Amino acid sequence: RLAPTIQSTLAAAVDSLLGEVARVVGGRMAEVQLEMESRERENESLRLRLEISEGELETLRECLSSAQRFIDQLPFPGGGGQATHVSTGPLPSPGVASQDC
């Protein structure tokens, strides 16, 4: 007679315990999901910033290369040109790429 009562009491206790565990785990899972979504948005933002920075770096490298080519063509010591005199007129155009720099 006592066994069915104990069994039903234990079953109710186990059900209650499992319900509480499911509630706690479910709440924590929701928090983790929100945190993961937040980090994914942050990662995407950082990826975009990195792509922009890499593009800017490439542009700067091209500008520096163009400027170096321009300097190498100048007719003075330090420049690569072999001119016999220094012109007082306008400097030659360094090219489209360096004009954008």
PDB file of N, CA and C in Angstrom:
ATOM      1  N   ARG A   1       0.814  -1.204   0.000  1.00  0.00           N
ATOM      2  CA  ARG A   1       0.000   0.000   0.000  1.00  0.00           C
ATOM      3  C   ARG A   1       0.849   1.256   0.000  1.00  0.00           C
ATOM      4  N   LEU A   2       1.925   1.261   0.695  1.00  0.00           N
ATOM      5  CA  LEU A   2       2.796   2.432   0.775  1.00  0.00           C
ATOM      6  C   LEU A   2       3.642   2.603  -0.492  1.00  0.00           C
ATOM      7  N   ALA A   3       3.967   1.531  -1.167  1.00  0.00           N
ATOM      8  CA  ALA A   3       4.839   1.577  -2.348  1.00  0.00           C
ATOM      9  C   ALA A   3       4.252   2.444  -3.450  1.00  0.00           C
ATOM     10  N   PRO A   4       2.989   2.320  -3.816  1.00  0.00           N
ATOM     11  CA  PRO A   4       2.464   3.193  -4.874  1.00  0.00           C
ATOM     12  C   PRO A   4       2.494   4.661  -4.484  1.00  0.00           C
ATOM     13  N   THR A   5       2.277   4.980  -3.224  1.00  0.00           N
ATOM     14  CA  THR A   5       2.319   6.358  -2.761  1.00  0.00           C
ATOM     15  C   THR A   5       3.737   6.912  -2.862  1.00  0.00           C
ATOM     16  N   ILE A   6       4.713   6.122  -2.445  1.00  0.00           N
ATOM     17  CA  ILE A   6       6.124   6.540  -2.515  1.00  0.00           C
ATOM     18  C   ILE A   6       6.523   6.696  -3.981  1.00  0.00           C
ATOM     19  N   GLN A   7       6.088   5.748  -4.808  1.00  0.00           N
ATOM     20  CA  GLN A   7       6.428   5.798  -6.226  1.00  0.00           C
ATOM     21  C   GLN A   7       5.846   7.051  -6.890  1.00  0.00           C
ATOM     22  N   SER A   8       4.617   7.369  -6.615  1.00  0.00           N
ATOM     23  CA  SER A   8       4.010   8.555  -7.215  1.00  0.00           C
ATOM     24  C   SER A   8       4.633   9.830  -6.661  1.00  0.00           C
ATOM     25  N   THR A   9       5.010   9.836  -5.384  1.00  0.00           N
ATOM     26  CA  THR A   9       5.690  10.999  -4.790  1.00  0.00           C
ATOM     27  C   THR A   9       7.055  11.198  -5.434  1.00  0.00           C
ATOM     28  N   LEU A  10       7.805  10.108  -5.611  1.00  0.00           N
ATOM     29  CA  LEU A  10       9.123  10.193  -6.251  1.00  0.00           C
ATOM     30  C   LEU A  10       8.979  10.643  -7.717  1.00  0.00           C
ATOM     31  N   ALA A  11       7.986  10.130  -8.412  1.00  0.00           N
ATOM     32  CA  ALA A  11       7.766  10.517  -9.804  1.00  0.00           C
ATOM     33  C   ALA A  11       7.458  12.001  -9.894  1.00  0.00           C
ATOM     34  N   ALA A  12       6.644  12.499  -8.978  1.00  0.00           N
ATOM     35  CA  ALA A  12       6.319  13.924  -8.958  1.00  0.00           C
ATOM     36  C   ALA A  12       7.558  14.751  -8.659  1.00  0.00           C
ATOM     37  N   ALA A  13       8.391  14.286  -7.722  1.00  0.00           N
ATOM     38  CA  ALA A  13       9.625  15.002  -7.376  1.00  0.00           C
ATOM     39  C   ALA A  13      10.585  15.022  -8.569  1.00  0.00           C
ATOM     40  N   VAL A  14      10.716  13.885  -9.247  1.00  0.00           N
ATOM     41  CA  VAL A  14      11.595  13.811 -10.415  1.00  0.00           C
ATOM     42  C   VAL A  14      11.074  14.724 -11.518  1.00  0.00           C
ATOM     43  N   ASP A  15       9.768  14.683 -11.763  1.00  0.00           N
ATOM     44  CA  ASP A  15       9.179  15.570 -12.781  1.00  0.00           C
ATOM     45  C   ASP A  15       9.417  17.035 -12.441  1.00  0.00           C
ATOM     46  N   SER A  16       9.264  17.371 -11.165  1.00  0.00           N
ATOM     47  CA  SER A  16       9.482  18.743 -10.728  1.00  0.00           C
ATOM     48  C   SER A  16      10.945  19.145 -10.918  1.00  0.00           C
ATOM     49  N   LEU A  17      11.849  18.248 -10.538  1.00  0.00           N
ATOM     50  CA  LEU A  17      13.280  18.508 -10.683  1.00  0.00           C
ATOM     51  C   LEU A  17      13.655  18.659 -12.159  1.00  0.00           C
ATOM     52  N   LEU A  18      13.174  17.759 -12.995  1.00  0.00           N
ATOM     53  CA  LEU A  18      13.469  17.842 -14.420  1.00  0.00           C
ATOM     54  C   LEU A  18      12.898  19.113 -15.034  1.00  0.00           C
ATOM     55  N   GLY A  19      11.732  19.520 -14.611  1.00  0.00           N
ATOM     56  CA  GLY A  19      11.137  20.765 -15.095  1.00  0.00           C
ATOM     57  C   GLY A  19      11.989  21.967 -14.720  1.00  0.00           C
ATOM     58  N   GLU A  20      12.488  21.972 -13.491  1.00  0.00           N
ATOM     59  CA  GLU A  20      13.347  23.078 -13.037  1.00  0.00           C
ATOM     60  C   GLU A  20      14.670  23.092 -13.801  1.00  0.00           C
ATOM     61  N   VAL A  21      15.257  21.917 -14.007  1.00  0.00           N
ATOM     62  CA  VAL A  21      16.509  21.826 -14.771  1.00  0.00           C
ATOM     63  C   VAL A  21      16.273  22.318 -16.195  1.00  0.00           C
ATOM     64  N   ALA A  22      15.168  21.892 -16.813  1.00  0.00           N
ATOM     65  CA  ALA A  22      14.849  22.326 -18.173  1.00  0.00           C
ATOM     66  C   ALA A  22      14.660  23.837 -18.226  1.00  0.00           C
ATOM     67  N   ARG A  23      14.026  24.422 -17.217  1.00  0.00           N
ATOM     68  CA  ARG A  23      13.820  25.868 -17.181  1.00  0.00           C
ATOM     69  C   ARG A  23      15.151  26.604 -17.084  1.00  0.00           C
ATOM     70  N   VAL A  24      16.030  26.135 -16.186  1.00  0.00           N
ATOM     71  CA  VAL A  24      17.332  26.788 -15.993  1.00  0.00           C
ATOM     72  C   VAL A  24      18.194  26.642 -17.247  1.00  0.00           C
ATOM     73  N   VAL A  25      18.246  25.424 -17.786  1.00  0.00           N
ATOM     74  CA  VAL A  25      19.051  25.188 -18.983  1.00  0.00           C
ATOM     75  C   VAL A  25      18.487  25.985 -20.158  1.00  0.00           C
ATOM     76  N   GLY A  26      17.179  26.011 -20.304  1.00  0.00           N
ATOM     77  CA  GLY A  26      16.557  26.777 -21.383  1.00  0.00           C
ATOM     78  C   GLY A  26      16.869  28.264 -21.273  1.00  0.00           C
ATOM     79  N   GLY A  27      16.824  28.798 -20.065  1.00  0.00           N
ATOM     80  CA  GLY A  27      17.165  30.205 -19.862  1.00  0.00           C
ATOM     81  C   GLY A  27      18.606  30.488 -20.201  1.00  0.00           C
ATOM     82  N   ARG A  28      19.481  29.593 -19.794  1.00  0.00           N
ATOM     83  CA  ARG A  28      20.908  29.780 -20.081  1.00  0.00           C
ATOM     84  C   ARG A  28      21.168  29.643 -21.591  1.00  0.00           C
ATOM     85  N   MET A  29      20.474  28.724 -22.216  1.00  0.00           N
ATOM     86  CA  MET A  29      20.619  28.551 -23.663  1.00  0.00           C
ATOM     87  C   MET A  29      20.187  29.822 -24.398  1.00  0.00           C
ATOM     88  N   ALA A  30      19.136  30.445 -23.943  1.00  0.00           N
ATOM     89  CA  ALA A  30      18.678  31.691 -24.568  1.00  0.00           C
ATOM     90  C   ALA A  30      19.735  32.776 -24.407  1.00  0.00           C
ATOM     91  N   GLU A  31      20.358  32.849 -23.229  1.00  0.00           N
ATOM     92  CA  GLU A  31      21.419  33.833 -23.000  1.00  0.00           C
ATOM     93  C   GLU A  31      22.606  33.569 -23.921  1.00  0.00           C
ATOM     94  N   VAL A  32      22.991  32.301 -24.037  1.00  0.00           N
ATOM     95  CA  VAL A  32      24.126  31.936 -24.890  1.00  0.00           C
ATOM     96  C   VAL A  32      23.811  32.263 -26.348  1.00  0.00           C
ATOM     97  N   GLN A  33      22.580  32.002 -26.781  1.00  0.00           N
ATOM     98  CA  GLN A  33      22.171  32.308 -28.150  1.00  0.00           C
ATOM     99  C   GLN A  33      22.272  33.810 -28.422  1.00  0.00           C
ATOM    100  N   LEU A  34      21.799  34.619 -27.488  1.00  0.00           N
ATOM    101  CA  LEU A  34      21.903  36.073 -27.652  1.00  0.00           C
ATOM    102  C   LEU A  34      23.357  36.521 -27.703  1.00  0.00           C
ATOM    103  N   GLU A  35      24.183  35.939 -26.857  1.00  0.00           N
ATOM    104  CA  GLU A  35      25.602  36.285 -26.836  1.00  0.00           C
ATOM    105  C   GLU A  35      26.265  35.883 -28.158  1.00  0.00           C
ATOM    106  N   MET A  36      25.919  34.714 -28.669  1.00  0.00           N
ATOM    107  CA  MET A  36      26.486  34.268 -29.947  1.00  0.00           C
ATOM    108  C   MET A  36      26.056  35.188 -31.084  1.00  0.00           C
ATOM    109  N   GLU A  37      24.811  35.602 -31.096  1.00  0.00           N
ATOM    110  CA  GLU A  37      24.332  36.524 -32.133  1.00  0.00           C
ATOM    111  C   GLU A  37      25.056  37.859 -32.053  1.00  0.00           C
ATOM    112  N   SER A  38      25.260  38.334 -30.821  1.00  0.00           N
ATOM    113  CA  SER A  38      25.978  39.590 -30.629  1.00  0.00           C
ATOM    114  C   SER A  38      27.413  39.474 -31.130  1.00  0.00           C
ATOM    115  N   ARG A  39      28.065  38.371 -30.823  1.00  0.00           N
ATOM    116  CA  ARG A  39      29.446  38.184 -31.267  1.00  0.00           C
ATOM    117  C   ARG A  39      29.525  38.023 -32.783  1.00  0.00           C
ATOM    118  N   GLU A  40      28.530  37.386 -33.364  1.00  0.00           N
ATOM    119  CA  GLU A  40      28.512  37.243 -34.817  1.00  0.00           C
ATOM    120  C   GLU A  40      28.373  38.614 -35.486  1.00  0.00           C
ATOM    121  N   ARG A  41      27.519  39.475 -34.933  1.00  0.00           N
ATOM    122  CA  ARG A  41      27.392  40.837 -35.480  1.00  0.00           C
ATOM    123  C   ARG A  41      28.717  41.586 -35.315  1.00  0.00           C
ATOM    124  N   GLU A  42      29.362  41.432 -34.161  1.00  0.00           N
ATOM    125  CA  GLU A  42      30.647  42.095 -33.931  1.00  0.00           C
ATOM    126  C   GLU A  42      31.699  41.570 -34.908  1.00  0.00           C
ATOM    127  N   ASN A  43      31.725  40.246 -35.113  1.00  0.00           N
ATOM    128  CA  ASN A  43      32.677  39.665 -36.065  1.00  0.00           C
ATOM    129  C   ASN A  43      32.447  40.195 -37.475  1.00  0.00           C
ATOM    130  N   GLU A  44      31.200  40.296 -37.876  1.00  0.00           N
ATOM    131  CA  GLU A  44      30.890  40.818 -39.209  1.00  0.00           C
ATOM    132  C   GLU A  44      31.346  42.274 -39.331  1.00  0.00           C
ATOM    133  N   SER A  45      31.131  43.050 -38.279  1.00  0.00           N
ATOM    134  CA  SER A  45      31.576  44.439 -38.277  1.00  0.00           C
ATOM    135  C   SER A  45      33.102  44.508 -38.382  1.00  0.00           C
ATOM    136  N   LEU A  46      33.785  43.644 -37.653  1.00  0.00           N
ATOM    137  CA  LEU A  46      35.252  43.628 -37.703  1.00  0.00           C
ATOM    138  C   LEU A  46      35.753  43.165 -39.071  1.00  0.00           C
ATOM    139  N   ARG A  47      35.066  42.187 -39.685  1.00  0.00           N
ATOM    140  CA  ARG A  47      35.438  41.752 -41.032  1.00  0.00           C
ATOM    141  C   ARG A  47      35.335  42.913 -42.017  1.00  0.00           C
ATOM    142  N   LEU A  48      34.249  43.670 -41.907  1.00  0.00           N
ATOM    143  CA  LEU A  48      34.050  44.809 -42.800  1.00  0.00           C
ATOM    144  C   LEU A  48      35.136  45.862 -42.586  1.00  0.00           C
ATOM    145  N   ARG A  49      35.435  46.160 -41.328  1.00  0.00           N
ATOM    146  CA  ARG A  49      36.488  47.137 -41.030  1.00  0.00           C
ATOM    147  C   ARG A  49      37.834  46.663 -41.573  1.00  0.00           C
ATOM    148  N   LEU A  50      38.101  45.352 -41.450  1.00  0.00           N
ATOM    149  CA  LEU A  50      39.356  44.806 -41.966  1.00  0.00           C
ATOM    150  C   LEU A  50      39.420  44.936 -43.479  1.00  0.00           C
ATOM    151  N   GLU A  51      38.337  44.622 -44.164  1.00  0.00           N
ATOM    152  CA  GLU A  51      38.311  44.757 -45.623  1.00  0.00           C
ATOM    153  C   GLU A  51      38.556  46.204 -46.032  1.00  0.00           C
ATOM    154  N   ILE A  52      37.920  47.130 -45.346  1.00  0.00           N
ATOM    155  CA  ILE A  52      38.118  48.555 -45.646  1.00  0.00           C
ATOM    156  C   ILE A  52      39.569  48.950 -45.405  1.00  0.00           C
ATOM    157  N   SER A  53      40.121  48.522 -44.287  1.00  0.00           N
ATOM    158  CA  SER A  53      41.512  48.855 -43.955  1.00  0.00           C
ATOM    159  C   SER A  53      42.476  48.254 -44.968  1.00  0.00           C
ATOM    160  N   GLU A  54      42.208  47.017 -45.393  1.00  0.00           N
ATOM    161  CA  GLU A  54      43.074  46.403 -46.395  1.00  0.00           C
ATOM    162  C   GLU A  54      43.009  47.172 -47.709  1.00  0.00           C
ATOM    163  N   GLY A  55      41.825  47.632 -48.080  1.00  0.00           N
ATOM    164  CA  GLY A  55      41.690  48.442 -49.288  1.00  0.00           C
ATOM    165  C   GLY A  55      42.446  49.753 -49.175  1.00  0.00           C
ATOM    166  N   GLU A  56      42.335  50.402 -48.019  1.00  0.00           N
ATOM    167  CA  GLU A  56      43.060  51.655 -47.798  1.00  0.00           C
ATOM    168  C   GLU A  56      44.564  51.419 -47.839  1.00  0.00           C
ATOM    169  N   LEU A  57      45.013  50.320 -47.240  1.00  0.00           N
ATOM    170  CA  LEU A  57      46.440  50.000 -47.247  1.00  0.00           C
ATOM    171  C   LEU A  57      46.934  49.782 -48.674  1.00  0.00           C
ATOM    172  N   GLU A  58      46.163  49.055 -49.461  1.00  0.00           N
ATOM    173  CA  GLU A  58      46.537  48.816 -50.856  1.00  0.00           C
ATOM    174  C   GLU A  58      46.618  50.136 -51.622  1.00  0.00           C
ATOM    175  N   THR A  59      45.670  51.024 -51.396  1.00  0.00           N
ATOM    176  CA  THR A  59      45.683  52.337 -52.051  1.00  0.00           C
ATOM    177  C   THR A  59      46.932  53.119 -51.645  1.00  0.00           C
ATOM    178  N   LEU A  60      47.262  53.102 -50.362  1.00  0.00           N
ATOM    179  CA  LEU A  60      48.465  53.812 -49.893  1.00  0.00           C
ATOM    180  C   LEU A  60      49.733  53.218 -50.505  1.00  0.00           C
ATOM    181  N   ARG A  61      49.775  51.900 -50.608  1.00  0.00           N
ATOM    182  CA  ARG A  61      50.949  51.261 -51.218  1.00  0.00           C
ATOM    183  C   ARG A  61      51.088  51.693 -52.679  1.00  0.00           C
ATOM    184  N   GLU A  62      49.970  51.734 -53.387  1.00  0.00           N
ATOM    185  CA  GLU A  62      50.001  52.173 -54.783  1.00  0.00           C
ATOM    186  C   GLU A  62      50.448  53.626 -54.873  1.00  0.00           C
ATOM    187  N   CYS A  63      49.959  54.464 -53.974  1.00  0.00           N
ATOM    188  CA  CYS A  63      50.364  55.881 -53.973  1.00  0.00           C
ATOM    189  C   CYS A  63      51.851  56.023 -53.695  1.00  0.00           C
ATOM    190  N   LEU A  64      52.345  55.271 -52.718  1.00  0.00           N
ATOM    191  CA  LEU A  64      53.776  55.340 -52.398  1.00  0.00           C
ATOM    192  C   LEU A  64      54.624  54.852 -53.569  1.00  0.00           C
ATOM    193  N   SER A  65      54.172  53.798 -54.213  1.00  0.00           N
ATOM    194  CA  SER A  65      54.898  53.273 -55.363  1.00  0.00           C
ATOM    195  C   SER A  65      54.912  54.302 -56.492  1.00  0.00           C
ATOM    196  N   SER A  66      53.775  54.920 -56.736  1.00  0.00           N
ATOM    197  CA  SER A  66      53.681  55.942 -57.774  1.00  0.00           C
ATOM    198  C   SER A  66      54.564  57.142 -57.423  1.00  0.00           C
ATOM    199  N   ALA A  67      54.529  57.544 -56.165  1.00  0.00           N
ATOM    200  CA  ALA A  67      55.364  58.672 -55.732  1.00  0.00           C
ATOM    201  C   ALA A  67      56.840  58.333 -55.884  1.00  0.00           C
ATOM    202  N   GLN A  68      57.213  57.092 -55.566  1.00  0.00           N
ATOM    203  CA  GLN A  68      58.616  56.694 -55.709  1.00  0.00           C
ATOM    204  C   GLN A  68      59.030  56.707 -57.180  1.00  0.00           C
ATOM    205  N   ARG A  69      58.155  56.239 -58.060  1.00  0.00           N
ATOM    206  CA  ARG A  69      58.462  56.282 -59.491  1.00  0.00           C
ATOM    207  C   ARG A  69      58.635  57.736 -59.956  1.00  0.00           C
ATOM    208  N   PHE A  70      57.789  58.622 -59.446  1.00  0.00           N
ATOM    209  CA  PHE A  70      57.880  60.043 -59.788  1.00  0.00           C
ATOM    210  C   PHE A  70      59.207  60.621 -59.306  1.00  0.00           C
ATOM    211  N   ILE A  71      59.554  60.329 -58.067  1.00  0.00           N
ATOM    212  CA  ILE A  71      60.816  60.830 -57.500  1.00  0.00           C
ATOM    213  C   ILE A  71      62.001  60.309 -58.296  1.00  0.00           C
ATOM    214  N   ASP A  72      61.928  59.030 -58.690  1.00  0.00           N
ATOM    215  CA  ASP A  72      63.030  58.446 -59.457  1.00  0.00           C
ATOM    216  C   ASP A  72      63.216  59.125 -60.812  1.00  0.00           C
ATOM    217  N   GLN A  73      62.180  59.778 -61.323  1.00  0.00           N
ATOM    218  CA  GLN A  73      62.264  60.454 -62.616  1.00  0.00           C
ATOM    219  C   GLN A  73      62.742  61.906 -62.493  1.00  0.00           C
ATOM    220  N   LEU A  74      62.826  62.430 -61.291  1.00  0.00           N
ATOM    221  CA  LEU A  74      63.207  63.835 -61.111  1.00  0.00           C
ATOM    222  C   LEU A  74      64.673  64.047 -61.471  1.00  0.00           C
ATOM    223  N   PRO A  75      64.979  65.166 -62.115  1.00  0.00           N
ATOM    224  CA  PRO A  75      66.349  65.449 -62.576  1.00  0.00           C
ATOM    225  C   PRO A  75      67.185  66.147 -61.511  1.00  0.00           C
ATOM    226  N   PHE A  76      67.380  65.518 -60.386  1.00  0.00           N
ATOM    227  CA  PHE A  76      68.266  66.077 -59.364  1.00  0.00           C
ATOM    228  C   PHE A  76      68.846  64.920 -58.563  1.00  0.00           C
ATOM    229  N   PRO A  77      69.913  65.200 -57.800  1.00  0.00           N
ATOM    230  CA  PRO A  77      70.504  64.117 -57.003  1.00  0.00           C
ATOM    231  C   PRO A  77      69.436  63.495 -56.096  1.00  0.00           C
ATOM    232  N   GLY A  78      69.372  62.220 -56.098  1.00  0.00           N
ATOM    233  CA  GLY A  78      68.337  61.513 -55.351  1.00  0.00           C
ATOM    234  C   GLY A  78      67.253  61.025 -56.274  1.00  0.00           C
ATOM    235  N   GLY A  79      67.062  61.714 -57.382  1.00  0.00           N
ATOM    236  CA  GLY A  79      66.125  61.275 -58.405  1.00  0.00           C
ATOM    237  C   GLY A  79      66.858  60.392 -59.391  1.00  0.00           C
ATOM    238  N   GLY A  80      66.159  59.620 -60.149  1.00  0.00           N
ATOM    239  CA  GLY A  80      66.792  58.695 -61.076  1.00  0.00           C
ATOM    240  C   GLY A  80      67.122  59.313 -62.418  1.00  0.00           C
ATOM    241  N   GLY A  81      66.620  60.511 -62.690  1.00  0.00           N
ATOM    242  CA  GLY A  81      66.823  61.133 -63.995  1.00  0.00           C
ATOM    243  C   GLY A  81      68.269  61.543 -64.222  1.00  0.00           C
ATOM    244  N   GLN A  82      68.647  61.664 -65.491  1.00  0.00           N
ATOM    245  CA  GLN A  82      70.012  62.030 -65.844  1.00  0.00           C
ATOM    246  C   GLN A  82      70.057  63.396 -66.522  1.00  0.00           C
ATOM    247  N   ALA A  83      69.208  64.341 -66.100  1.00  0.00           N
ATOM    248  CA  ALA A  83      69.155  65.658 -66.737  1.00  0.00           C
ATOM    249  C   ALA A  83      70.427  66.433 -66.439  1.00  0.00           C
ATOM    250  N   THR A  84      70.803  67.324 -67.386  1.00  0.00           N
ATOM    251  CA  THR A  84      72.007  68.130 -67.207  1.00  0.00           C
ATOM    252  C   THR A  84      71.702  69.463 -66.564  1.00  0.00           C
ATOM    253  N   HIS A  85      70.416  69.830 -66.471  1.00  0.00           N
ATOM    254  CA  HIS A  85      70.070  71.083 -65.814  1.00  0.00           C
ATOM    255  C   HIS A  85      68.758  70.883 -65.056  1.00  0.00           C
ATOM    256  N   VAL A  86      68.492  71.777 -64.119  1.00  0.00           N
ATOM    257  CA  VAL A  86      67.262  71.711 -63.328  1.00  0.00           C
ATOM    258  C   VAL A  86      66.293  72.714 -63.905  1.00  0.00           C
ATOM    259  N   SER A  87      65.122  72.267 -64.240  1.00  0.00           N
ATOM    260  CA  SER A  87      64.100  73.118 -64.834  1.00  0.00           C
ATOM    261  C   SER A  87      63.392  73.902 -63.740  1.00  0.00           C
ATOM    262  N   THR A  88      63.024  75.151 -64.054  1.00  0.00           N
ATOM    263  CA  THR A  88      62.245  75.941 -63.105  1.00  0.00           C
ATOM    264  C   THR A  88      60.776  75.953 -63.474  1.00  0.00           C
ATOM    265  N   GLY A  89      60.418  75.223 -64.550  1.00  0.00           N
ATOM    266  CA  GLY A  89      59.029  75.142 -65.001  1.00  0.00           C
ATOM    267  C   GLY A  89      58.236  74.153 -64.153  1.00  0.00           C
ATOM    268  N   PRO A  90      56.996  73.911 -64.587  1.00  0.00           N
ATOM    269  CA  PRO A  90      56.157  72.983 -63.832  1.00  0.00           C
ATOM    270  C   PRO A  90      56.736  71.573 -63.858  1.00  0.00           C
ATOM    271  N   LEU A  91      56.493  70.842 -62.786  1.00  0.00           N
ATOM    272  CA  LEU A  91      56.983  69.472 -62.696  1.00  0.00           C
ATOM    273  C   LEU A  91      56.155  68.569 -63.585  1.00  0.00           C
ATOM    274  N   PRO A  92      56.759  67.518 -64.110  1.00  0.00           N
ATOM    275  CA  PRO A  92      55.991  66.590 -64.931  1.00  0.00           C
ATOM    276  C   PRO A  92      54.928  65.888 -64.090  1.00  0.00           C
ATOM    277  N   SER A  93      53.835  65.550 -64.746  1.00  0.00           N
ATOM    278  CA  SER A  93      52.733  64.879 -64.053  1.00  0.00           C
ATOM    279  C   SER A  93      53.172  63.490 -63.599  1.00  0.00           C
ATOM    280  N   PRO A  94      52.941  63.139 -62.348  1.00  0.00           N
ATOM    281  CA  PRO A  94      53.382  61.843 -61.848  1.00  0.00           C
ATOM    282  C   PRO A  94      52.481  60.706 -62.304  1.00  0.00           C
ATOM    283  N   GLY A  95      51.344  60.980 -62.889  1.00  0.00           N
ATOM    284  CA  GLY A  95      50.461  59.909 -63.335  1.00  0.00           C
ATOM    285  C   GLY A  95      49.130  59.956 -62.588  1.00  0.00           C
ATOM    286  N   VAL A  96      48.148  59.294 -63.135  1.00  0.00           N
ATOM    287  CA  VAL A  96      46.792  59.341 -62.595  1.00  0.00           C
ATOM    288  C   VAL A  96      46.730  58.775 -61.198  1.00  0.00           C
ATOM    289  N   ALA A  97      47.435  57.656 -60.974  1.00  0.00           N
ATOM    290  CA  ALA A  97      47.338  56.991 -59.662  1.00  0.00           C
ATOM    291  C   ALA A  97      47.788  57.924 -58.548  1.00  0.00           C
ATOM    292  N   SER A  98      48.908  58.623 -58.746  1.00  0.00           N
ATOM    293  CA  SER A  98      49.390  59.471 -57.654  1.00  0.00           C
ATOM    294  C   SER A  98      48.574  60.750 -57.534  1.00  0.00           C
ATOM    295  N   GLN A  99      47.876  61.127 -58.595  1.00  0.00           N
ATOM    296  CA  GLN A  99      47.032  62.307 -58.488  1.00  0.00           C
ATOM    297  C   GLN A  99      45.851  62.019 -57.554  1.00  0.00           C
ATOM    298  N   ASP A 100      45.462  60.786 -57.446  1.00  0.00           N
ATOM    299  CA  ASP A 100      44.368  60.408 -56.556  1.00  0.00           C
ATOM    300  C   ASP A 100      44.801  60.307 -55.103  1.00  0.00           C
ATOM    301  N   CYS A 101      46.105  60.339 -54.864  1.00  0.00           N
ATOM    302  CA  CYS A 101      46.608  60.115 -53.498  1.00  0.00           C
ATOM    303  C   CYS A 101      46.464  61.350 -52.650  1.00  0.00           C
TER     304      CYS A 101
END
